Amino acid sequence: MIRYTLLLILSLLSANVGWAYPSITNYMTAEACVHVVMESPDYINNHHKIQISSVGPDTLKTSTYLTDTIDIPEKSTSVVRNIFFFKGESRWLKKINYSDKSIAFITALIAAIMISIATMIILLVIILMNRRRMEKEELLHLYLMEKYQSLIINYLFGSASPEEFRSIASDTHRRQVLIDQMIDVSIYLKGDESKKLVSLYKLLSLDKDSITRAYSHQWHKKIKGFRELAFMNINDANSAIYKALNSSNEILRMEAQIALVRLNDDNPFEFLSHLTSHFSLWEQITLHELIIQHNIPVPSFQKWLTSPNPSVVIFALRMIREFKQKESENDVRETLMHPDPAVRYLAVQVSGDLDMRSTLETMKDMYKYQEYNICLEIIKSMGKMPDISMMGFLKLVIDKEDDVQLQIEATKAIHNNGEEGVIALDKLMVSKYKNYNIIIKHVLDRRIF
């Protein structure tokens, strides 16, 4: 009786008798309920069959018989083995064994998922711990900044002694915080206080740290070293700074330029003579702002008009115009014949802006050999410094040029000569050879110009 009960339990676990016994066929309605009628052991032993009857609410009855010559205990043992050891062809196993993959593959997937979850948890813990550590370091850094700044000020204007800094300089992290605070304080110091701070910087051997960074192979460390040396006015690493002057790294190059301007009190812009790389517009603007903000003595920039680096010549021309160095007129006139078109264009512009009249003849002679934008700038510059001797040339431009913009600018340049220019334009208006009426009327109309 026990073995038949086990068979019944296994049948219920599989939810369908046909799962354990593929040869059984059931015909039931959707609402049918199954009744398993167990006969006496003697009857089963004699006939080796189980009768399963189902009665549905529609009074339909079906009976299914299983006849087999295999002994029932052997079947039950096979079923148990199939279910609990995942062997055989049971339908329960097929629910897991997709696409004929082995159970080892499924196990591997589950293991991978568990490992991934564990890894995520570990990473989360590490991130949170690291974040907490960084917050503590930031709080400590702020505390040390305030403490060291007060100590530095007390040393400069109070009674603090250098010995109080030695314990700080012995710790790597605190040493760097001290350097940063000394740099910040040095910005606002001049005279004796500045020299006193530099002496303390060298006494604590902090200058060696800055020099080491200046010679570092990492560009961001180089920049930090350049800044520290520049603010503390230490020239011991100038060779490294000059080497970085022509670096392909634009940021490093700019920091080297700024450092050399600060470190050279006698000739702040001497580095321009050593600059062979392109001097970008951004670098030029930064250098100009440095001159204005720190009241750096302005040199005579005409010496760099002969530089082999065109970008340095362009910077020199801009500074000549910015600081109105009209004494450079002869050198600017020579620059009008420079082989670089960008230099020639700016030289023409500067000549007109600074009223360098000695350049008029040179511009007239070079006009026919230049590009359109340079020709247009020549006419504009002639209009900025009107000269009666140029009126014949300007009339020729109106007569010979087909470009309307050139004609308009030439007409404006003639008009800027005053009464004589207006008379010359009136004569052109009545010319029978070409009709200049529209352009001249356009220029003479006071509502427009």
Protein backbone atom coordinates (compact mmCIF):
# COMPACT_ATOMS: atom_id res chain seq x y z
CA MET A 1 0.00 0.00 0.00
CA ILE A 2 2.87 2.37 0.78
CA ARG A 3 4.36 2.14 -2.67
CA TYR A 4 1.00 2.97 -4.24
CA THR A 5 0.68 5.98 -1.99
CA LEU A 6 4.16 7.13 -3.11
CA LEU A 7 3.07 6.74 -6.69
CA LEU A 8 0.03 8.91 -6.01
CA ILE A 9 2.16 11.64 -4.41
CA LEU A 10 4.58 11.65 -7.32
CA SER A 11 1.67 11.91 -9.73
CA LEU A 12 0.27 14.91 -7.89
CA LEU A 13 3.71 16.58 -7.79
CA SER A 14 4.10 16.35 -11.50
CA ALA A 15 0.59 17.93 -11.84
CA ASN A 16 -0.23 15.53 -14.64
CA VAL A 17 -0.08 11.77 -14.68
CA GLY A 18 1.07 11.90 -18.27
CA TRP A 19 4.32 13.65 -17.21
CA ALA A 20 5.52 10.60 -15.32
CA TYR A 21 3.87 8.16 -17.73
CA PRO A 22 3.96 9.46 -21.29
CA SER A 23 1.76 6.57 -22.53
CA ILE A 24 -1.29 7.75 -20.54
CA THR A 25 -3.82 9.84 -22.44
CA ASN A 26 -6.43 11.90 -20.58
CA TYR A 27 -9.60 13.31 -22.03
CA MET A 28 -11.18 15.81 -19.72
CA THR A 29 -13.18 18.98 -20.00
CA ALA A 30 -11.67 22.25 -18.81
CA GLU A 31 -13.77 22.06 -15.66
CA ALA A 32 -13.20 18.42 -14.96
CA CYS A 33 -12.04 17.24 -11.59
CA VAL A 34 -9.89 14.11 -11.31
CA HIS A 35 -10.69 11.24 -9.02
CA VAL A 36 -8.14 8.51 -8.60
CA VAL A 37 -9.74 5.28 -7.54
CA MET A 38 -7.28 2.91 -5.95
CA GLU A 39 -8.27 -0.81 -6.08
CA SER A 40 -7.19 -3.43 -3.65
CA PRO A 41 -3.63 -4.72 -3.89
CA ASP A 42 -4.79 -8.17 -4.89
CA TYR A 43 -6.76 -6.80 -7.76
CA ILE A 44 -3.84 -4.72 -9.00
CA ASN A 45 -1.44 -7.56 -8.69
CA ASN A 46 -3.75 -9.73 -10.76
CA HIS A 47 -4.47 -7.23 -13.47
CA HIS A 48 -1.49 -4.75 -13.30
CA LYS A 49 -3.60 -1.76 -14.07
CA ILE A 50 -4.95 1.42 -12.46
CA GLN A 51 -8.31 2.85 -13.30
CA ILE A 52 -8.50 6.66 -13.40
CA SER A 53 -11.93 8.11 -13.83
CA SER A 54 -12.96 11.72 -14.14
CA VAL A 55 -16.41 13.12 -13.83
CA GLY A 56 -17.19 16.56 -15.17
CA PRO A 57 -20.13 18.75 -14.41
CA ASP A 58 -21.54 17.96 -17.84
CA THR A 59 -21.98 14.29 -16.75
CA LEU A 60 -19.33 13.23 -19.32
CA LYS A 61 -17.19 10.35 -17.98
CA THR A 62 -13.88 9.21 -19.32
CA SER A 63 -11.79 6.32 -18.26
CA THR A 64 -8.11 5.84 -18.96
CA TYR A 65 -6.27 2.63 -18.35
CA LEU A 66 -2.54 2.10 -18.07
CA THR A 67 -1.35 -1.31 -18.91
CA ASP A 68 2.28 -2.17 -18.62
CA THR A 69 4.32 -5.20 -17.95
CA ILE A 70 6.94 -3.28 -15.92
CA ASP A 71 6.72 -3.63 -12.20
CA ILE A 72 5.28 -0.56 -10.42
CA PRO A 73 8.03 -0.30 -7.76
CA GLU A 74 10.63 -0.02 -10.51
CA LYS A 75 8.64 2.77 -12.15
CA SER A 76 8.34 4.70 -8.91
CA THR A 77 12.06 4.40 -8.29
CA SER A 78 12.78 5.63 -11.81
CA VAL A 79 10.45 8.59 -11.35
CA VAL A 80 12.08 9.59 -8.07
CA ARG A 81 15.49 9.35 -9.67
CA ASN A 82 14.39 11.35 -12.67
CA ILE A 83 12.91 14.16 -10.61
CA PHE A 84 15.50 14.55 -7.88
CA PHE A 85 18.61 13.89 -9.93
CA PHE A 86 17.46 15.69 -13.10
CA LYS A 87 17.88 12.72 -15.39
CA GLY A 88 15.64 11.13 -17.91
CA GLU A 89 12.95 12.69 -20.04
CA SER A 90 10.60 14.12 -17.41
CA ARG A 91 8.47 17.09 -18.39
CA TRP A 92 9.51 18.90 -15.21
CA LEU A 93 13.10 18.90 -16.39
CA LYS A 94 12.09 20.25 -19.79
CA LYS A 95 10.74 23.38 -18.13
CA ILE A 96 14.34 24.27 -17.14
CA ASN A 97 16.28 22.70 -19.98
CA TYR A 98 15.62 25.31 -22.68
CA SER A 99 17.02 24.78 -26.17
CA ASP A 100 18.52 21.47 -25.13
CA LYS A 101 21.08 23.19 -22.85
CA SER A 102 22.54 21.15 -20.02
CA ILE A 103 21.73 21.79 -16.38
CA ALA A 104 25.41 22.77 -15.93
CA PHE A 105 24.83 25.73 -18.25
CA ILE A 106 21.83 26.87 -16.17
CA THR A 107 23.88 26.50 -13.01
CA ALA A 108 26.68 28.57 -14.53
CA LEU A 109 24.24 31.35 -15.38
CA ILE A 110 22.87 31.40 -11.85
CA ALA A 111 26.40 31.48 -10.45
CA ALA A 112 27.32 34.37 -12.74
CA ILE A 113 24.29 36.34 -11.56
CA MET A 114 25.16 35.72 -7.92
CA ILE A 115 28.79 36.76 -8.51
CA SER A 116 27.63 39.94 -10.26
CA ILE A 117 25.34 40.86 -7.38
CA ALA A 118 28.11 40.22 -4.86
CA THR A 119 30.53 42.33 -6.91
CA MET A 120 28.06 45.21 -7.08
CA ILE A 121 27.60 45.12 -3.32
CA ILE A 122 31.36 45.09 -2.74
CA LEU A 123 31.88 48.00 -5.14
CA LEU A 124 29.10 49.98 -3.47
CA VAL A 125 30.72 49.50 -0.09
CA ILE A 126 34.13 50.57 -1.46
CA ILE A 127 32.65 53.68 -3.11
CA LEU A 128 30.86 54.72 0.05
CA MET A 129 33.99 54.20 2.14
CA ASN A 130 36.11 56.16 -0.34
CA ARG A 131 33.59 58.98 -0.39
CA ARG A 132 33.66 59.14 3.38
CA ARG A 133 37.45 59.24 3.35
CA MET A 134 37.49 62.09 0.80
CA GLU A 135 35.03 64.10 2.90
CA LYS A 136 37.26 63.71 5.94
CA GLU A 137 40.31 64.76 3.93
CA GLU A 138 38.50 67.83 2.61
CA LEU A 139 37.50 68.89 6.12
CA LEU A 140 41.07 68.41 7.30
CA HIS A 141 42.38 70.38 4.31
CA LEU A 142 40.09 73.34 5.09
CA TYR A 143 41.12 73.27 8.72
CA LEU A 144 44.82 73.23 7.85
CA MET A 145 44.42 76.06 5.32
CA GLU A 146 42.94 78.39 7.93
CA LYS A 147 45.47 77.36 10.55
CA TYR A 148 48.53 77.78 8.32
CA GLN A 149 47.36 81.05 6.84
CA SER A 150 47.00 82.51 10.32
CA LEU A 151 50.43 81.17 11.24
CA ILE A 152 52.05 82.72 8.14
CA ILE A 153 50.49 86.10 8.81
CA ASN A 154 51.58 85.87 12.43
CA TYR A 155 55.10 85.12 11.24
CA LEU A 156 55.17 88.09 8.85
CA PHE A 157 53.55 90.65 11.10
CA GLY A 158 53.66 89.04 14.55
CA SER A 159 55.91 87.03 16.80
CA ALA A 160 55.82 83.55 15.23
CA SER A 161 59.22 81.94 14.62
CA PRO A 162 60.39 79.70 11.77
CA GLU A 163 60.71 76.78 14.18
CA GLU A 164 56.93 76.57 14.40
CA PHE A 165 56.85 75.58 10.72
CA ARG A 166 59.34 72.74 10.89
CA SER A 167 56.90 70.18 12.28
CA ILE A 168 54.51 71.07 9.47
CA ALA A 169 57.18 70.73 6.78
CA SER A 170 58.03 67.19 7.96
CA ASP A 171 54.66 65.81 6.78
CA THR A 172 54.11 65.43 3.01
CA HIS A 173 50.41 66.36 2.92
CA ARG A 174 50.71 69.24 5.40
CA ARG A 175 53.82 70.44 3.57
CA GLN A 176 51.88 70.86 0.34
CA VAL A 177 49.08 72.71 2.12
CA LEU A 178 51.69 75.06 3.59
CA ILE A 179 53.18 75.71 0.13
CA ASP A 180 49.75 76.53 -1.30
CA GLN A 181 49.02 78.97 1.53
CA MET A 182 52.37 80.69 1.16
CA ILE A 183 51.69 81.14 -2.57
CA ASP A 184 48.26 82.63 -1.85
CA VAL A 185 49.68 85.06 0.71
CA SER A 186 52.58 86.09 -1.57
CA ILE A 187 50.13 87.56 -4.11
CA TYR A 188 49.34 90.43 -1.74
CA LEU A 189 52.88 91.07 -0.46
CA LYS A 190 55.53 93.48 -1.64
CA GLY A 191 58.84 94.75 -0.33
CA ASP A 192 60.31 93.40 2.89
CA GLU A 193 57.38 91.12 3.73
CA SER A 194 57.69 89.42 0.34
CA LYS A 195 61.43 88.85 0.86
CA LYS A 196 60.79 87.51 4.36
CA LEU A 197 58.28 84.99 3.03
CA VAL A 198 60.70 83.85 0.30
CA SER A 199 63.42 83.38 2.93
CA LEU A 200 61.09 81.18 4.97
CA TYR A 201 60.20 79.24 1.82
CA LYS A 202 63.86 78.45 1.20
CA LEU A 203 64.62 77.84 4.88
CA LEU A 204 62.06 75.04 4.99
CA SER A 205 63.46 73.65 1.68
CA LEU A 206 60.08 74.08 0.03
CA ASP A 207 61.82 75.46 -3.05
CA LYS A 208 63.28 72.00 -3.69
CA ASP A 209 59.77 70.59 -3.97
CA SER A 210 58.87 73.23 -6.56
CA ILE A 211 62.06 72.64 -8.55
CA THR A 212 61.44 68.88 -8.55
CA ARG A 213 57.94 69.45 -9.93
CA ALA A 214 59.27 71.83 -12.59
CA TYR A 215 61.55 69.05 -13.91
CA SER A 216 58.82 66.41 -13.73
CA HIS A 217 57.81 64.48 -16.85
CA GLN A 218 54.11 65.02 -16.08
CA TRP A 219 52.85 68.28 -17.55
CA HIS A 220 50.38 69.10 -14.76
CA LYS A 221 53.15 68.80 -12.17
CA LYS A 222 55.36 71.02 -14.31
CA ILE A 223 52.67 73.70 -14.37
CA LYS A 224 52.33 73.62 -10.58
CA GLY A 225 56.11 73.88 -10.19
CA PHE A 226 56.28 76.82 -12.65
CA ARG A 227 53.60 78.72 -10.75
CA GLU A 228 55.22 78.17 -7.35
CA LEU A 229 58.63 79.28 -8.61
CA ALA A 230 57.18 82.32 -10.36
CA PHE A 231 55.25 83.54 -7.31
CA MET A 232 58.23 82.99 -5.01
CA ASN A 233 60.64 84.56 -7.55
CA ILE A 234 63.01 81.58 -7.68
CA ASN A 235 65.09 81.25 -10.88
CA ASP A 236 66.74 77.90 -10.23
CA ALA A 237 64.57 76.02 -12.76
CA ASN A 238 64.60 78.53 -15.63
CA SER A 239 66.16 75.99 -17.97
CA ALA A 240 63.13 73.70 -17.57
CA ILE A 241 60.78 76.64 -18.12
CA TYR A 242 62.57 77.70 -21.33
CA LYS A 243 62.38 74.12 -22.56
CA ALA A 244 58.60 74.12 -22.05
CA LEU A 245 58.32 77.40 -23.94
CA ASN A 246 58.00 75.57 -27.27
CA SER A 247 56.05 72.58 -26.01
CA SER A 248 53.23 71.13 -28.10
CA ASN A 249 51.01 71.38 -25.00
CA GLU A 250 49.37 74.80 -25.26
CA ILE A 251 48.56 75.04 -21.54
CA LEU A 252 52.11 74.17 -20.52
CA ARG A 253 53.46 76.63 -23.07
CA MET A 254 51.28 79.43 -21.73
CA GLU A 255 52.26 78.76 -18.11
CA ALA A 256 55.93 78.83 -19.09
CA GLN A 257 55.44 82.24 -20.75
CA ILE A 258 53.69 83.66 -17.69
CA ALA A 259 56.38 82.28 -15.37
CA LEU A 260 59.19 83.82 -17.43
CA VAL A 261 57.46 87.21 -17.46
CA ARG A 262 57.25 87.12 -13.65
CA LEU A 263 60.79 85.84 -13.14
CA ASN A 264 62.55 88.38 -15.39
CA ASP A 265 62.22 91.81 -13.84
CA ASP A 266 64.69 93.52 -16.19
CA ASN A 267 63.34 92.16 -19.48
CA PRO A 268 59.97 90.42 -18.90
CA PHE A 269 59.35 89.71 -22.59
CA GLU A 270 62.78 88.39 -23.40
CA PHE A 271 61.23 84.97 -23.93
CA LEU A 272 59.76 86.23 -27.23
CA SER A 273 63.23 85.97 -28.73
CA HIS A 274 63.29 82.25 -27.91
CA LEU A 275 59.74 81.44 -29.03
CA THR A 276 59.72 79.32 -32.17
CA SER A 277 56.27 77.70 -31.82
CA HIS A 278 53.04 79.39 -32.82
CA PHE A 279 52.06 82.22 -30.48
CA SER A 280 48.29 81.79 -30.38
CA LEU A 281 45.76 84.59 -30.00
CA TRP A 282 44.70 83.24 -26.62
CA GLU A 283 48.31 83.35 -25.38
CA GLN A 284 48.64 86.90 -26.65
CA ILE A 285 45.49 88.02 -24.84
CA THR A 286 46.64 86.34 -21.61
CA LEU A 287 50.00 88.07 -21.80
CA HIS A 288 48.38 91.45 -22.44
CA GLU A 289 46.11 91.00 -19.41
CA LEU A 290 49.17 90.11 -17.33
CA ILE A 291 50.79 93.41 -18.30
CA ILE A 292 47.70 95.40 -17.32
CA GLN A 293 46.86 93.59 -14.08
CA HIS A 294 50.40 93.51 -12.63
CA ASN A 295 51.65 96.85 -13.98
CA ILE A 296 54.56 95.20 -15.77
CA PRO A 297 56.82 97.75 -17.49
CA VAL A 298 56.02 97.86 -21.19
CA PRO A 299 59.06 97.38 -23.42
CA SER A 300 59.53 98.74 -26.91
CA PHE A 301 58.02 96.02 -29.06
CA GLN A 302 59.66 97.16 -32.31
CA LYS A 303 62.63 94.86 -31.59
CA TRP A 304 60.42 91.84 -32.29
CA LEU A 305 59.16 93.09 -35.66
CA THR A 306 62.14 91.33 -37.21
CA SER A 307 61.47 88.01 -35.45
CA PRO A 308 61.53 84.91 -37.71
CA ASN A 309 58.30 83.80 -36.01
CA PRO A 310 55.34 85.52 -37.80
CA SER A 311 53.04 85.07 -34.79
CA VAL A 312 55.55 87.00 -32.61
CA VAL A 313 55.63 89.81 -35.22
CA ILE A 314 51.82 89.97 -35.15
CA PHE A 315 51.87 90.21 -31.34
CA ALA A 316 54.47 93.00 -31.51
CA LEU A 317 52.30 94.94 -34.00
CA ARG A 318 49.27 94.58 -31.75
CA MET A 319 51.19 95.78 -28.71
CA ILE A 320 52.61 98.74 -30.70
CA ARG A 321 49.06 99.76 -31.55
CA GLU A 322 47.75 99.04 -28.03
CA PHE A 323 50.40 101.16 -26.30
CA LYS A 324 50.59 103.71 -29.18
CA GLN A 325 54.32 103.33 -29.79
CA LYS A 326 54.50 105.68 -32.79
CA GLU A 327 58.27 105.77 -32.53
CA SER A 328 58.18 102.35 -34.23
CA GLU A 329 56.94 103.88 -37.52
CA ASN A 330 60.07 103.10 -39.53
CA ASP A 331 60.07 99.47 -38.42
CA VAL A 332 56.34 99.13 -39.13
CA ARG A 333 56.95 100.51 -42.64
CA GLU A 334 59.52 97.78 -43.23
CA THR A 335 57.03 95.20 -42.01
CA LEU A 336 54.63 96.17 -44.82
CA MET A 337 56.82 94.06 -47.12
CA HIS A 338 56.81 91.02 -44.84
CA PRO A 339 56.39 87.69 -46.72
CA ASP A 340 53.47 86.60 -44.51
CA PRO A 341 50.11 88.03 -45.73
CA ALA A 342 48.67 88.12 -42.19
CA VAL A 343 51.60 90.28 -41.04
CA ARG A 344 51.23 92.64 -44.01
CA TYR A 345 47.50 92.99 -43.40
CA LEU A 346 48.00 93.91 -39.73
CA ALA A 347 50.90 96.26 -40.54
CA VAL A 348 48.66 98.19 -42.98
CA GLN A 349 45.93 98.35 -40.33
CA VAL A 350 48.32 99.55 -37.60
CA SER A 351 49.78 102.18 -39.94
CA GLY A 352 46.34 103.65 -40.50
CA ASP A 353 45.29 103.43 -36.83
CA LEU A 354 48.46 105.23 -35.62
CA ASP A 355 48.49 107.78 -38.48
CA MET A 356 51.88 106.71 -39.81
CA ARG A 357 51.90 108.83 -42.95
CA SER A 358 55.34 107.75 -44.06
CA THR A 359 53.78 104.42 -45.00
CA LEU A 360 51.43 105.92 -47.62
CA GLU A 361 53.86 105.73 -50.50
CA THR A 362 54.83 102.18 -49.60
CA MET A 363 51.18 101.13 -49.49
CA LYS A 364 50.49 102.77 -52.87
CA ASP A 365 53.41 100.94 -54.45
CA MET A 366 52.48 97.55 -53.01
CA TYR A 367 48.74 97.84 -53.79
CA LYS A 368 48.65 96.06 -57.15
CA TYR A 369 50.59 93.04 -55.87
CA GLN A 370 48.38 92.27 -52.86
CA GLU A 371 45.40 90.08 -52.13
CA TYR A 372 41.92 91.58 -52.13
CA ASN A 373 41.58 91.93 -48.34
CA ILE A 374 44.97 93.71 -48.10
CA CYS A 375 44.02 96.03 -50.99
CA LEU A 376 40.78 96.92 -49.23
CA GLU A 377 42.65 97.60 -45.97
CA ILE A 378 45.14 99.85 -47.82
CA ILE A 379 42.29 102.01 -49.12
CA LYS A 380 40.73 102.14 -45.63
CA SER A 381 44.07 103.16 -44.08
CA MET A 382 44.44 105.94 -46.68
CA GLY A 383 41.01 107.13 -45.63
CA LYS A 384 42.13 107.22 -41.97
CA MET A 385 45.06 109.53 -42.80
CA PRO A 386 43.84 111.66 -45.75
CA ASP A 387 46.52 113.11 -47.99
CA ILE A 388 45.96 115.16 -51.14
CA SER A 389 48.92 113.47 -52.82
CA MET A 390 46.99 110.20 -52.73
CA MET A 391 43.87 111.57 -54.50
CA GLY A 392 45.15 110.70 -57.97
CA PHE A 393 45.75 107.10 -56.89
CA LEU A 394 42.30 106.90 -55.29
CA LYS A 395 40.62 108.22 -58.46
CA LEU A 396 42.42 105.51 -60.40
CA VAL A 397 41.00 102.90 -58.03
CA ILE A 398 37.47 104.23 -58.67
CA ASP A 399 38.04 104.23 -62.40
CA LYS A 400 39.86 100.91 -62.82
CA GLU A 401 38.48 98.64 -60.15
CA ASP A 402 35.31 96.67 -60.80
CA ASP A 403 34.69 95.82 -57.15
CA VAL A 404 32.05 98.10 -55.66
CA GLN A 405 33.44 97.90 -52.12
CA LEU A 406 36.85 99.11 -53.28
CA GLN A 407 35.20 101.97 -55.17
CA ILE A 408 33.14 102.97 -52.13
CA GLU A 409 36.17 102.99 -49.81
CA ALA A 410 38.24 104.98 -52.34
CA THR A 411 35.40 107.52 -52.67
CA LYS A 412 35.21 107.84 -48.87
CA ALA A 413 39.00 108.33 -48.69
CA ILE A 414 38.77 111.17 -51.25
CA HIS A 415 35.86 112.72 -49.36
CA ASN A 416 37.94 112.73 -46.14
CA ASN A 417 40.31 115.26 -47.76
CA GLY A 418 37.77 118.00 -47.03
CA GLU A 419 36.73 120.65 -49.53
CA GLU A 420 39.23 119.56 -52.14
CA GLY A 421 37.97 116.02 -51.91
CA VAL A 422 34.34 117.11 -52.37
CA ILE A 423 35.29 119.18 -55.46
CA ALA A 424 37.08 116.17 -56.94
CA LEU A 425 34.01 113.99 -56.37
CA ASP A 426 31.72 116.57 -58.00
CA LYS A 427 33.88 116.46 -61.11
CA LEU A 428 33.67 112.68 -61.17
CA MET A 429 29.87 112.87 -60.98
CA VAL A 430 29.65 114.77 -64.26
CA SER A 431 32.14 112.50 -65.99
CA LYS A 432 31.00 111.39 -69.43
CA TYR A 433 33.17 108.33 -69.54
CA LYS A 434 31.79 106.34 -66.60
CA ASN A 435 28.79 106.71 -64.39
CA TYR A 436 29.97 107.12 -60.77
CA ASN A 437 26.86 108.98 -59.72
CA ILE A 438 25.34 106.20 -57.61
CA ILE A 439 28.52 105.49 -55.60
CA ILE A 440 29.41 109.17 -55.10
CA LYS A 441 25.87 110.12 -54.10
CA HIS A 442 25.91 107.22 -51.70
CA VAL A 443 29.10 108.54 -50.04
CA LEU A 444 28.04 112.18 -50.01
CA ASP A 445 24.65 111.43 -48.48
CA ARG A 446 24.95 112.68 -44.86
CA ARG A 447 22.05 110.49 -43.79
CA ILE A 448 24.25 107.45 -44.42
CA PHE A 449 27.73 108.69 -43.48
